Amino acid sequence: MEHFQNESRFSSWAGLVPECKESAGKKMSSRIRKGNKYLKACLVECARAAIRKKQSYFYSRYQRIAARRGWKRALIAIAHTMLIAIYHMLKEKVPYYELGADYYSVKNQEKLIKRNLRSLEKLGVDVMIRGRKKFCVYGK
């Protein structure tokens, strides 16, 4: 893996990096690049298989991306994520570590709490926090 300087060069060689053609703020194309077609096809099939397991990191990432960008782009994004994981596994000679389906909810817990508090306050609900896990809600 010393031939590739970093994971972005490796994913660019494989052809799983979206092109960014933009001029004057107008996006023209976001197709994936040309690359190793056999590796790309294999990784997309692996991504399809990976998102079928509901309690996995890839499934939760797929759901987050597909909600915003669509299922095809989300599938390519999962294949790209898998390729980056493969790069690090081969370069550092470590086994794969599954992050889990609740990775994003644990990582962004504080952000989620603040967003929900702002939403409740916009609805006119007074919220008082007592500790980390207990909420008392009082309506106006």
N, C-alpha and C. Protein backbone atom coordinates (compact mmCIF):
# COMPACT_ATOMS: atom_id res chain seq x y z
N MET A 1 0.82 -1.21 0.00
CA MET A 1 0.00 0.00 0.00
C MET A 1 0.86 1.27 0.00
N GLU A 2 2.18 1.12 -0.01
CA GLU A 2 3.05 2.29 -0.03
C GLU A 2 2.97 3.04 -1.36
N HIS A 3 2.43 2.37 -2.40
CA HIS A 3 2.30 3.02 -3.70
C HIS A 3 1.34 4.21 -3.62
N PHE A 4 0.32 4.11 -2.77
CA PHE A 4 -0.66 5.18 -2.61
C PHE A 4 -0.28 6.01 -1.39
N GLN A 5 -0.26 7.32 -1.54
CA GLN A 5 0.17 8.19 -0.46
C GLN A 5 -0.84 8.26 0.68
N ASN A 6 -2.12 8.21 0.35
CA ASN A 6 -3.15 8.25 1.38
C ASN A 6 -4.41 7.57 0.84
N GLU A 7 -5.44 7.52 1.69
CA GLU A 7 -6.66 6.80 1.29
C GLU A 7 -7.41 7.50 0.17
N SER A 8 -7.28 8.82 0.06
CA SER A 8 -7.98 9.52 -1.02
C SER A 8 -7.38 9.19 -2.38
N ARG A 9 -6.07 9.01 -2.44
CA ARG A 9 -5.43 8.61 -3.70
C ARG A 9 -5.85 7.19 -4.08
N PHE A 10 -5.98 6.33 -3.08
CA PHE A 10 -6.40 4.95 -3.32
C PHE A 10 -7.83 4.90 -3.82
N SER A 11 -8.72 5.66 -3.22
CA SER A 11 -10.11 5.66 -3.66
C SER A 11 -10.25 6.35 -5.02
N SER A 12 -9.39 7.30 -5.33
CA SER A 12 -9.40 7.92 -6.64
C SER A 12 -8.96 6.92 -7.71
N TRP A 13 -7.95 6.10 -7.40
CA TRP A 13 -7.51 5.07 -8.33
C TRP A 13 -8.62 4.06 -8.59
N ALA A 14 -9.36 3.72 -7.54
CA ALA A 14 -10.44 2.75 -7.69
C ALA A 14 -11.64 3.36 -8.42
N GLY A 15 -11.74 4.67 -8.44
CA GLY A 15 -12.84 5.33 -9.14
C GLY A 15 -14.07 5.51 -8.28
N LEU A 16 -13.92 5.57 -6.99
CA LEU A 16 -15.06 5.74 -6.09
C LEU A 16 -15.07 7.10 -5.42
N VAL A 17 -14.57 8.10 -6.13
CA VAL A 17 -14.58 9.48 -5.62
C VAL A 17 -15.46 10.29 -6.56
N PRO A 18 -16.45 11.02 -6.05
CA PRO A 18 -17.28 11.81 -6.95
C PRO A 18 -16.50 12.99 -7.53
N GLU A 19 -16.75 13.26 -8.79
CA GLU A 19 -16.14 14.43 -9.41
C GLU A 19 -16.87 15.67 -8.93
N CYS A 20 -16.18 16.77 -8.92
CA CYS A 20 -16.79 18.02 -8.47
C CYS A 20 -16.63 19.06 -9.56
N LYS A 21 -17.58 19.09 -10.47
CA LYS A 21 -17.55 20.08 -11.53
C LYS A 21 -18.50 21.20 -11.16
N GLU A 22 -17.94 22.34 -10.85
CA GLU A 22 -18.74 23.47 -10.42
C GLU A 22 -18.19 24.73 -11.06
N SER A 23 -19.08 25.56 -11.55
CA SER A 23 -18.67 26.81 -12.15
C SER A 23 -19.68 27.88 -11.77
N ALA A 24 -19.20 28.95 -11.19
CA ALA A 24 -20.02 30.08 -10.76
C ALA A 24 -21.13 29.63 -9.80
N GLY A 25 -20.81 28.68 -8.94
CA GLY A 25 -21.78 28.21 -7.96
C GLY A 25 -22.78 27.21 -8.50
N LYS A 26 -22.69 26.89 -9.78
CA LYS A 26 -23.62 25.93 -10.38
C LYS A 26 -22.93 24.57 -10.48
N LYS A 27 -23.55 23.56 -9.91
CA LYS A 27 -22.99 22.22 -9.97
C LYS A 27 -23.41 21.55 -11.27
N MET A 28 -22.44 21.05 -12.02
CA MET A 28 -22.74 20.48 -13.33
C MET A 28 -22.80 18.97 -13.32
N SER A 29 -21.89 18.33 -12.61
CA SER A 29 -21.87 16.87 -12.62
C SER A 29 -21.32 16.38 -11.30
N SER A 30 -21.80 15.25 -10.88
CA SER A 30 -21.25 14.64 -9.66
C SER A 30 -21.15 13.14 -9.84
N ARG A 31 -20.83 12.73 -11.07
CA ARG A 31 -20.68 11.30 -11.29
C ARG A 31 -19.36 10.82 -10.69
N ILE A 32 -19.27 9.53 -10.53
CA ILE A 32 -18.02 8.99 -10.00
C ILE A 32 -17.01 8.89 -11.13
N ARG A 33 -15.76 8.85 -10.77
CA ARG A 33 -14.69 8.88 -11.75
C ARG A 33 -14.49 7.53 -12.41
N LYS A 34 -13.75 7.55 -13.51
CA LYS A 34 -13.35 6.30 -14.12
C LYS A 34 -12.23 5.71 -13.29
N GLY A 35 -12.22 4.41 -13.17
CA GLY A 35 -11.20 3.76 -12.38
C GLY A 35 -11.21 2.27 -12.65
N ASN A 36 -10.74 1.51 -11.71
CA ASN A 36 -10.69 0.07 -11.84
C ASN A 36 -12.12 -0.47 -11.78
N LYS A 37 -12.66 -0.85 -12.94
CA LYS A 37 -14.07 -1.22 -13.01
C LYS A 37 -14.38 -2.51 -12.27
N TYR A 38 -13.42 -3.42 -12.18
CA TYR A 38 -13.66 -4.68 -11.48
C TYR A 38 -13.73 -4.46 -9.97
N LEU A 39 -12.82 -3.64 -9.46
CA LEU A 39 -12.82 -3.33 -8.03
C LEU A 39 -14.07 -2.53 -7.66
N LYS A 40 -14.43 -1.59 -8.51
CA LYS A 40 -15.61 -0.77 -8.25
C LYS A 40 -16.88 -1.61 -8.20
N ALA A 41 -17.03 -2.52 -9.16
CA ALA A 41 -18.20 -3.38 -9.20
C ALA A 41 -18.25 -4.30 -7.99
N CYS A 42 -17.11 -4.82 -7.61
CA CYS A 42 -17.04 -5.71 -6.44
C CYS A 42 -17.40 -4.96 -5.16
N LEU A 43 -16.90 -3.74 -5.01
CA LEU A 43 -17.18 -2.97 -3.81
C LEU A 43 -18.64 -2.53 -3.73
N VAL A 44 -19.25 -2.24 -4.87
CA VAL A 44 -20.66 -1.87 -4.85
C VAL A 44 -21.52 -3.08 -4.45
N GLU A 45 -21.15 -4.26 -4.92
CA GLU A 45 -21.87 -5.48 -4.51
C GLU A 45 -21.68 -5.74 -3.01
N CYS A 46 -20.47 -5.52 -2.53
CA CYS A 46 -20.21 -5.69 -1.10
C CYS A 46 -20.99 -4.66 -0.28
N ALA A 47 -21.12 -3.45 -0.80
CA ALA A 47 -21.89 -2.42 -0.11
C ALA A 47 -23.36 -2.81 -0.05
N ARG A 48 -23.88 -3.38 -1.15
CA ARG A 48 -25.27 -3.85 -1.14
C ARG A 48 -25.49 -4.90 -0.07
N ALA A 49 -24.53 -5.80 0.07
CA ALA A 49 -24.64 -6.85 1.09
C ALA A 49 -24.50 -6.27 2.49
N ALA A 50 -23.62 -5.28 2.65
CA ALA A 50 -23.36 -4.71 3.97
C ALA A 50 -24.56 -3.93 4.51
N ILE A 51 -25.32 -3.29 3.64
CA ILE A 51 -26.43 -2.49 4.14
C ILE A 51 -27.65 -3.35 4.47
N ARG A 52 -27.59 -4.62 4.16
CA ARG A 52 -28.70 -5.51 4.49
C ARG A 52 -28.70 -5.92 5.97
N LYS A 53 -27.55 -5.79 6.63
CA LYS A 53 -27.49 -6.10 8.06
C LYS A 53 -27.91 -4.85 8.83
N LYS A 54 -29.03 -4.93 9.52
CA LYS A 54 -29.63 -3.74 10.12
C LYS A 54 -28.84 -3.16 11.30
N GLN A 55 -28.18 -4.00 12.04
CA GLN A 55 -27.44 -3.52 13.22
C GLN A 55 -25.96 -3.35 12.90
N SER A 56 -25.66 -2.55 11.87
CA SER A 56 -24.27 -2.33 11.49
C SER A 56 -24.04 -0.84 11.23
N TYR A 57 -22.78 -0.48 11.25
CA TYR A 57 -22.38 0.90 10.98
C TYR A 57 -22.72 1.28 9.55
N PHE A 58 -22.50 0.37 8.61
CA PHE A 58 -22.76 0.68 7.20
C PHE A 58 -24.24 0.94 6.95
N TYR A 59 -25.11 0.19 7.61
CA TYR A 59 -26.54 0.41 7.44
C TYR A 59 -26.96 1.78 7.98
N SER A 60 -26.46 2.14 9.16
CA SER A 60 -26.84 3.44 9.72
C SER A 60 -26.27 4.59 8.88
N ARG A 61 -25.07 4.42 8.35
CA ARG A 61 -24.50 5.45 7.47
C ARG A 61 -25.30 5.54 6.17
N TYR A 62 -25.69 4.40 5.63
CA TYR A 62 -26.50 4.38 4.42
C TYR A 62 -27.82 5.11 4.63
N GLN A 63 -28.47 4.87 5.75
CA GLN A 63 -29.75 5.51 6.03
C GLN A 63 -29.61 7.03 6.13
N ARG A 64 -28.54 7.48 6.74
CA ARG A 64 -28.31 8.92 6.89
C ARG A 64 -28.08 9.59 5.53
N ILE A 65 -27.29 8.94 4.68
CA ILE A 65 -26.96 9.54 3.39
C ILE A 65 -28.14 9.42 2.43
N ALA A 66 -28.82 8.27 2.43
CA ALA A 66 -29.93 8.04 1.50
C ALA A 66 -31.08 9.01 1.76
N ALA A 67 -31.25 9.43 2.98
CA ALA A 67 -32.32 10.37 3.30
C ALA A 67 -32.08 11.72 2.63
N ARG A 68 -30.82 12.11 2.49
CA ARG A 68 -30.49 13.40 1.89
C ARG A 68 -30.20 13.32 0.40
N ARG A 69 -29.46 12.30 -0.02
CA ARG A 69 -28.91 12.28 -1.37
C ARG A 69 -29.53 11.25 -2.31
N GLY A 70 -30.24 10.26 -1.77
CA GLY A 70 -30.81 9.23 -2.62
C GLY A 70 -30.08 7.91 -2.44
N TRP A 71 -30.73 6.82 -2.85
CA TRP A 71 -30.19 5.49 -2.54
C TRP A 71 -28.99 5.14 -3.41
N LYS A 72 -28.90 5.62 -4.63
CA LYS A 72 -27.76 5.28 -5.48
C LYS A 72 -26.48 5.95 -4.99
N ARG A 73 -26.59 7.22 -4.67
CA ARG A 73 -25.41 7.93 -4.18
C ARG A 73 -24.99 7.41 -2.81
N ALA A 74 -25.97 7.03 -2.01
CA ALA A 74 -25.65 6.46 -0.71
C ALA A 74 -24.91 5.13 -0.86
N LEU A 75 -25.29 4.35 -1.84
CA LEU A 75 -24.63 3.07 -2.07
C LEU A 75 -23.17 3.28 -2.48
N ILE A 76 -22.92 4.25 -3.34
CA ILE A 76 -21.54 4.57 -3.73
C ILE A 76 -20.76 5.10 -2.53
N ALA A 77 -21.40 5.88 -1.69
CA ALA A 77 -20.73 6.39 -0.49
C ALA A 77 -20.34 5.26 0.46
N ILE A 78 -21.19 4.24 0.57
CA ILE A 78 -20.87 3.09 1.42
C ILE A 78 -19.71 2.32 0.83
N ALA A 79 -19.69 2.16 -0.50
CA ALA A 79 -18.57 1.48 -1.16
C ALA A 79 -17.28 2.26 -0.93
N HIS A 80 -17.36 3.60 -0.96
CA HIS A 80 -16.19 4.44 -0.68
C HIS A 80 -15.72 4.27 0.75
N THR A 81 -16.66 4.22 1.68
CA THR A 81 -16.32 4.02 3.10
C THR A 81 -15.65 2.67 3.30
N MET A 82 -16.18 1.65 2.63
CA MET A 82 -15.58 0.31 2.74
C MET A 82 -14.16 0.30 2.17
N LEU A 83 -13.95 1.02 1.07
CA LEU A 83 -12.63 1.08 0.45
C LEU A 83 -11.62 1.75 1.37
N ILE A 84 -12.05 2.80 2.05
CA ILE A 84 -11.15 3.47 3.00
C ILE A 84 -10.82 2.55 4.16
N ALA A 85 -11.80 1.80 4.64
CA ALA A 85 -11.54 0.84 5.72
C ALA A 85 -10.57 -0.25 5.25
N ILE A 86 -10.74 -0.71 4.02
CA ILE A 86 -9.84 -1.72 3.48
C ILE A 86 -8.43 -1.18 3.36
N TYR A 87 -8.30 0.07 2.94
CA TYR A 87 -6.98 0.68 2.83
C TYR A 87 -6.26 0.68 4.17
N HIS A 88 -6.96 1.11 5.22
CA HIS A 88 -6.33 1.17 6.55
C HIS A 88 -6.05 -0.22 7.10
N MET A 89 -6.92 -1.18 6.80
CA MET A 89 -6.68 -2.55 7.26
C MET A 89 -5.43 -3.14 6.61
N LEU A 90 -5.24 -2.89 5.31
CA LEU A 90 -4.07 -3.42 4.62
C LEU A 90 -2.80 -2.68 4.99
N LYS A 91 -2.89 -1.37 5.15
CA LYS A 91 -1.69 -0.59 5.44
C LYS A 91 -1.20 -0.81 6.87
N GLU A 92 -2.12 -0.82 7.82
CA GLU A 92 -1.73 -0.93 9.23
C GLU A 92 -1.77 -2.35 9.75
N LYS A 93 -2.22 -3.30 8.90
CA LYS A 93 -2.30 -4.72 9.25
C LYS A 93 -3.10 -4.95 10.53
N VAL A 94 -4.30 -4.40 10.56
CA VAL A 94 -5.21 -4.55 11.70
C VAL A 94 -6.52 -5.17 11.20
N PRO A 95 -7.25 -5.89 12.06
CA PRO A 95 -8.54 -6.44 11.63
C PRO A 95 -9.62 -5.35 11.61
N TYR A 96 -10.72 -5.67 10.96
CA TYR A 96 -11.83 -4.73 10.87
C TYR A 96 -12.53 -4.63 12.22
N TYR A 97 -12.85 -3.41 12.62
CA TYR A 97 -13.56 -3.16 13.87
C TYR A 97 -14.91 -2.53 13.53
N GLU A 98 -15.99 -3.21 13.87
CA GLU A 98 -17.34 -2.72 13.60
C GLU A 98 -17.70 -1.63 14.61
N LEU A 99 -18.07 -0.46 14.11
CA LEU A 99 -18.40 0.67 14.98
C LEU A 99 -19.79 0.54 15.59
N GLY A 100 -20.68 -0.17 14.94
CA GLY A 100 -22.01 -0.40 15.49
C GLY A 100 -23.05 0.54 14.90
N ALA A 101 -24.30 0.13 15.02
CA ALA A 101 -25.41 0.90 14.45
C ALA A 101 -25.66 2.19 15.21
N ASP A 102 -25.30 2.25 16.48
CA ASP A 102 -25.56 3.45 17.28
C ASP A 102 -24.37 4.39 17.32
N TYR A 103 -23.44 4.26 16.40
CA TYR A 103 -22.23 5.08 16.38
C TYR A 103 -22.57 6.57 16.29
N TYR A 104 -23.46 6.93 15.38
CA TYR A 104 -23.79 8.35 15.19
C TYR A 104 -24.61 8.90 16.35
N SER A 105 -25.49 8.10 16.92
CA SER A 105 -26.31 8.61 18.02
C SER A 105 -25.47 8.82 19.28
N VAL A 106 -24.47 8.00 19.51
CA VAL A 106 -23.58 8.19 20.66
C VAL A 106 -22.63 9.35 20.40
N LYS A 107 -22.13 9.44 19.17
CA LYS A 107 -21.16 10.49 18.83
C LYS A 107 -21.79 11.88 18.90
N ASN A 108 -23.02 12.00 18.45
CA ASN A 108 -23.67 13.30 18.36
C ASN A 108 -24.74 13.50 19.44
N GLN A 109 -24.57 12.89 20.59
CA GLN A 109 -25.59 12.95 21.62
C GLN A 109 -25.83 14.36 22.13
N GLU A 110 -24.77 15.11 22.40
CA GLU A 110 -24.92 16.47 22.90
C GLU A 110 -25.60 17.36 21.85
N LYS A 111 -25.22 17.19 20.58
CA LYS A 111 -25.82 17.96 19.51
C LYS A 111 -27.31 17.65 19.37
N LEU A 112 -27.65 16.38 19.53
CA LEU A 112 -29.04 15.97 19.44
C LEU A 112 -29.87 16.55 20.58
N ILE A 113 -29.30 16.57 21.77
CA ILE A 113 -30.00 17.13 22.93
C ILE A 113 -30.25 18.62 22.72
N LYS A 114 -29.25 19.36 22.27
CA LYS A 114 -29.40 20.80 22.04
C LYS A 114 -30.43 21.09 20.96
N ARG A 115 -30.42 20.31 19.88
CA ARG A 115 -31.36 20.52 18.79
C ARG A 115 -32.79 20.27 19.26
N ASN A 116 -32.99 19.20 20.05
CA ASN A 116 -34.33 18.90 20.55
C ASN A 116 -34.81 19.95 21.55
N LEU A 117 -33.89 20.48 22.36
CA LEU A 117 -34.26 21.55 23.30
C LEU A 117 -34.70 22.80 22.54
N ARG A 118 -33.96 23.17 21.48
CA ARG A 118 -34.36 24.33 20.68
C ARG A 118 -35.72 24.11 20.03
N SER A 119 -35.98 22.90 19.57
CA SER A 119 -37.27 22.60 18.94
C SER A 119 -38.40 22.73 19.93
N LEU A 120 -38.19 22.24 21.15
CA LEU A 120 -39.22 22.36 22.18
C LEU A 120 -39.46 23.81 22.55
N GLU A 121 -38.38 24.60 22.64
CA GLU A 121 -38.53 26.01 22.99
C GLU A 121 -39.26 26.78 21.89
N LYS A 122 -39.05 26.41 20.63
CA LYS A 122 -39.78 27.05 19.53
C LYS A 122 -41.27 26.73 19.60
N LEU A 123 -41.60 25.55 20.12
CA LEU A 123 -43.00 25.16 20.26
C LEU A 123 -43.65 25.78 21.48
N GLY A 124 -42.87 26.48 22.30
CA GLY A 124 -43.42 27.15 23.46
C GLY A 124 -43.42 26.30 24.72
N VAL A 125 -42.52 25.34 24.80
CA VAL A 125 -42.44 24.47 25.97
C VAL A 125 -41.22 24.87 26.78
N ASP A 126 -41.42 25.10 28.09
CA ASP A 126 -40.29 25.39 28.97
C ASP A 126 -39.65 24.07 29.40
N VAL A 127 -38.35 23.97 29.24
CA VAL A 127 -37.63 22.74 29.57
C VAL A 127 -36.57 23.06 30.61
N MET A 128 -36.55 22.27 31.66
CA MET A 128 -35.54 22.41 32.69
C MET A 128 -34.77 21.09 32.78
N ILE A 129 -33.48 21.17 32.69
CA ILE A 129 -32.66 19.95 32.70
C ILE A 129 -32.13 19.74 34.11
N ARG A 130 -32.35 18.53 34.61
CA ARG A 130 -31.82 18.14 35.91
C ARG A 130 -30.93 16.92 35.72
N GLY A 131 -29.67 17.14 35.47
CA GLY A 131 -28.77 16.01 35.29
C GLY A 131 -28.66 15.61 33.84
N ARG A 132 -27.97 14.55 33.63
CA ARG A 132 -27.63 14.13 32.26
C ARG A 132 -28.78 13.43 31.56
N LYS A 133 -29.53 12.58 32.26
CA LYS A 133 -30.51 11.75 31.59
C LYS A 133 -31.94 12.06 31.96
N LYS A 134 -32.19 12.99 32.86
CA LYS A 134 -33.55 13.26 33.29
C LYS A 134 -33.99 14.63 32.80
N PHE A 135 -35.14 14.69 32.19
CA PHE A 135 -35.69 15.95 31.71
C PHE A 135 -37.04 16.16 32.35
N CYS A 136 -37.30 17.38 32.74
CA CYS A 136 -38.63 17.75 33.22
C CYS A 136 -39.19 18.75 32.22
N VAL A 137 -40.37 18.47 31.72
CA VAL A 137 -40.96 19.31 30.69
C VAL A 137 -42.19 19.96 31.28
N TYR A 138 -42.28 21.28 31.14
CA TYR A 138 -43.43 22.04 31.60
C TYR A 138 -44.00 22.84 30.43
N GLY A 139 -45.26 22.71 30.18
CA GLY A 139 -45.89 23.46 29.08
C GLY A 139 -46.32 24.83 29.53
N LYS A 140 -46.45 25.74 28.61
CA LYS A 140 -46.89 27.11 28.92
C LYS A 140 -48.40 27.17 28.93
